[in-house]
Amino acid sequence: MSAYTDIFRALTAGKQLSAGEASALLAQQRQEVGDEFANALVQYAREQYPQDDRGTHASQRKARLRHGAVTQAAGWLRRVTATGRLTTTPTQRRAS
């Protein structure tokens, strides 16, 4: 069962989730959404930049480069949604 289903059932049933349970479900949901987006990017790369022998050598090279860039972006998306760290948080300072 997906995290979305678990979250939806808990909300609609009025089930009280502990902070740890809610955090775990949201992290699982974030990872599932990231995987779906990454899979969509890889599929897009396959459709837009096919690896075949059509065109000139230069156009084939450009298609390979673009396909590789999209595939790398998909890998990055999987990695950051799995860890939950999309950005680095700057040090917070107290106002004096």
C-alpha atoms as a PDB file:
ATOM      1  CA  MET A   1       0.000   0.000   0.000  1.00  0.00           C
ATOM      2  CA  SER A   2       1.277   3.467  -0.825  1.00  0.00           C
ATOM      3  CA  ALA A   3       2.003   6.154   1.726  1.00  0.00           C
ATOM      4  CA  TYR A   4      -0.658   8.334   0.105  1.00  0.00           C
ATOM      5  CA  THR A   5      -3.303   5.677   0.833  1.00  0.00           C
ATOM      6  CA  ASP A   6      -2.180   5.358   4.452  1.00  0.00           C
ATOM      7  CA  ILE A   7      -2.232   9.121   4.939  1.00  0.00           C
ATOM      8  CA  PHE A   8      -5.634   9.472   3.262  1.00  0.00           C
ATOM      9  CA  ARG A   9      -7.150   6.699   5.388  1.00  0.00           C
ATOM     10  CA  ALA A  10      -5.760   8.198   8.580  1.00  0.00           C
ATOM     11  CA  LEU A  11      -7.156  11.621   7.732  1.00  0.00           C
ATOM     12  CA  THR A  12     -10.592  10.440   6.637  1.00  0.00           C
ATOM     13  CA  ALA A  13     -10.999   8.019   9.536  1.00  0.00           C
ATOM     14  CA  GLY A  14      -9.971  10.656  12.059  1.00  0.00           C
ATOM     15  CA  LYS A  15      -7.135   8.409  13.217  1.00  0.00           C
ATOM     16  CA  GLN A  16      -4.644  10.148  15.472  1.00  0.00           C
ATOM     17  CA  LEU A  17      -1.082   9.669  14.223  1.00  0.00           C
ATOM     18  CA  SER A  18       1.914  10.175  16.423  1.00  0.00           C
ATOM     19  CA  ALA A  19       4.529  12.651  15.251  1.00  0.00           C
ATOM     20  CA  GLY A  20       6.880   9.799  14.371  1.00  0.00           C
ATOM     21  CA  GLU A  21       4.245   7.946  12.351  1.00  0.00           C
ATOM     22  CA  ALA A  22       3.234  11.090  10.475  1.00  0.00           C
ATOM     23  CA  SER A  23       6.852  11.961   9.764  1.00  0.00           C
ATOM     24  CA  ALA A  24       7.598   8.455   8.478  1.00  0.00           C
ATOM     25  CA  LEU A  25       4.509   8.451   6.235  1.00  0.00           C
ATOM     26  CA  LEU A  26       5.340  11.882   4.813  1.00  0.00           C
ATOM     27  CA  ALA A  27       8.935  10.830   4.139  1.00  0.00           C
ATOM     28  CA  GLN A  28       7.685   7.708   2.379  1.00  0.00           C
ATOM     29  CA  GLN A  29       5.247   9.823   0.352  1.00  0.00           C
ATOM     30  CA  ARG A  30       8.030  12.241  -0.630  1.00  0.00           C
ATOM     31  CA  GLN A  31      10.176   9.343  -1.839  1.00  0.00           C
ATOM     32  CA  GLU A  32       7.316   7.776  -3.813  1.00  0.00           C
ATOM     33  CA  VAL A  33       6.538  11.082  -5.544  1.00  0.00           C
ATOM     34  CA  GLY A  34      10.227  11.605  -6.316  1.00  0.00           C
ATOM     35  CA  ASP A  35      10.464   8.130  -7.840  1.00  0.00           C
ATOM     36  CA  GLU A  36       7.380   8.767  -9.977  1.00  0.00           C
ATOM     37  CA  PHE A  37       8.796  12.064 -11.258  1.00  0.00           C
ATOM     38  CA  ALA A  38      12.200  10.498 -11.912  1.00  0.00           C
ATOM     39  CA  ASN A  39      10.611   7.629 -13.853  1.00  0.00           C
ATOM     40  CA  ALA A  40       8.639  10.172 -15.894  1.00  0.00           C
ATOM     41  CA  LEU A  41      11.859  12.076 -16.683  1.00  0.00           C
ATOM     42  CA  VAL A  42      13.594   8.911 -17.857  1.00  0.00           C
ATOM     43  CA  GLN A  43      10.607   8.034 -20.055  1.00  0.00           C
ATOM     44  CA  TYR A  44      10.637  11.574 -21.458  1.00  0.00           C
ATOM     45  CA  ALA A  45      14.334  11.229 -22.280  1.00  0.00           C
ATOM     46  CA  ARG A  46      13.694   7.943 -24.105  1.00  0.00           C
ATOM     47  CA  GLU A  47      10.923   9.518 -26.177  1.00  0.00           C
ATOM     48  CA  GLN A  48      12.588  12.845 -26.955  1.00  0.00           C
ATOM     49  CA  TYR A  49      16.164  11.676 -27.440  1.00  0.00           C
ATOM     50  CA  PRO A  50      16.028   8.166 -28.948  1.00  0.00           C
ATOM     51  CA  GLN A  51      19.312   6.321 -29.263  1.00  0.00           C
ATOM     52  CA  ASP A  52      19.224   5.357 -32.923  1.00  0.00           C
ATOM     53  CA  ASP A  53      21.218   5.876 -36.112  1.00  0.00           C
ATOM     54  CA  ARG A  54      19.048   8.575 -37.649  1.00  0.00           C
ATOM     55  CA  GLY A  55      20.579  11.928 -38.446  1.00  0.00           C
ATOM     56  CA  THR A  56      24.149  13.111 -38.544  1.00  0.00           C
ATOM     57  CA  HIS A  57      26.907  12.210 -36.143  1.00  0.00           C
ATOM     58  CA  ALA A  58      26.594  15.611 -34.479  1.00  0.00           C
ATOM     59  CA  SER A  59      22.834  15.278 -33.970  1.00  0.00           C
ATOM     60  CA  GLN A  60      23.309  11.804 -32.490  1.00  0.00           C
ATOM     61  CA  ARG A  61      25.951  13.161 -30.109  1.00  0.00           C
ATOM     62  CA  LYS A  62      23.650  16.008 -29.021  1.00  0.00           C
ATOM     63  CA  ALA A  63      20.801  13.560 -28.438  1.00  0.00           C
ATOM     64  CA  ARG A  64      23.091  11.353 -26.310  1.00  0.00           C
ATOM     65  CA  LEU A  65      24.223  14.369 -24.284  1.00  0.00           C
ATOM     66  CA  ARG A  66      20.666  15.565 -23.712  1.00  0.00           C
ATOM     67  CA  HIS A  67      19.497  12.067 -22.818  1.00  0.00           C
ATOM     68  CA  GLY A  68      22.363  11.794 -20.333  1.00  0.00           C
ATOM     69  CA  ALA A  69      21.545  15.170 -18.779  1.00  0.00           C
ATOM     70  CA  VAL A  70      17.890  14.243 -18.250  1.00  0.00           C
ATOM     71  CA  THR A  71      18.886  10.851 -16.838  1.00  0.00           C
ATOM     72  CA  GLN A  72      21.298  12.540 -14.421  1.00  0.00           C
ATOM     73  CA  ALA A  73      18.546  14.925 -13.336  1.00  0.00           C
ATOM     74  CA  ALA A  74      16.293  11.925 -12.657  1.00  0.00           C
ATOM     75  CA  GLY A  75      19.032  10.349 -10.535  1.00  0.00           C
ATOM     76  CA  TRP A  76      19.469  13.588  -8.607  1.00  0.00           C
ATOM     77  CA  LEU A  77      15.722  13.777  -8.016  1.00  0.00           C
ATOM     78  CA  ARG A  78      15.647  10.218  -6.649  1.00  0.00           C
ATOM     79  CA  ARG A  79      18.616  10.942  -4.390  1.00  0.00           C
ATOM     80  CA  VAL A  80      17.294  14.155  -2.863  1.00  0.00           C
ATOM     81  CA  THR A  81      13.759  12.878  -2.332  1.00  0.00           C
ATOM     82  CA  ALA A  82      15.117   9.769  -0.632  1.00  0.00           C
ATOM     83  CA  THR A  83      17.223  11.815   1.788  1.00  0.00           C
ATOM     84  CA  GLY A  84      14.834  14.726   2.210  1.00  0.00           C
ATOM     85  CA  ARG A  85      17.579  17.305   1.753  1.00  0.00           C
ATOM     86  CA  LEU A  86      16.656  19.440  -1.234  1.00  0.00           C
ATOM     87  CA  THR A  87      18.677  22.396  -0.040  1.00  0.00           C
ATOM     88  CA  THR A  88      21.151  23.216   2.670  1.00  0.00           C
ATOM     89  CA  THR A  89      19.715  25.149   5.563  1.00  0.00           C
ATOM     90  CA  PRO A  90      21.728  28.221   6.514  1.00  0.00           C
ATOM     91  CA  THR A  91      22.719  28.756  10.127  1.00  0.00           C
ATOM     92  CA  GLN A  92      19.999  30.616  11.970  1.00  0.00           C
ATOM     93  CA  ARG A  93      21.047  33.546  14.124  1.00  0.00           C
ATOM     94  CA  ARG A  94      19.079  34.983  16.949  1.00  0.00           C
ATOM     95  CA  ALA A  95      18.080  38.593  16.578  1.00  0.00           C
ATOM     96  CA  SER A  96      19.675  40.730  19.254  1.00  0.00           C
END
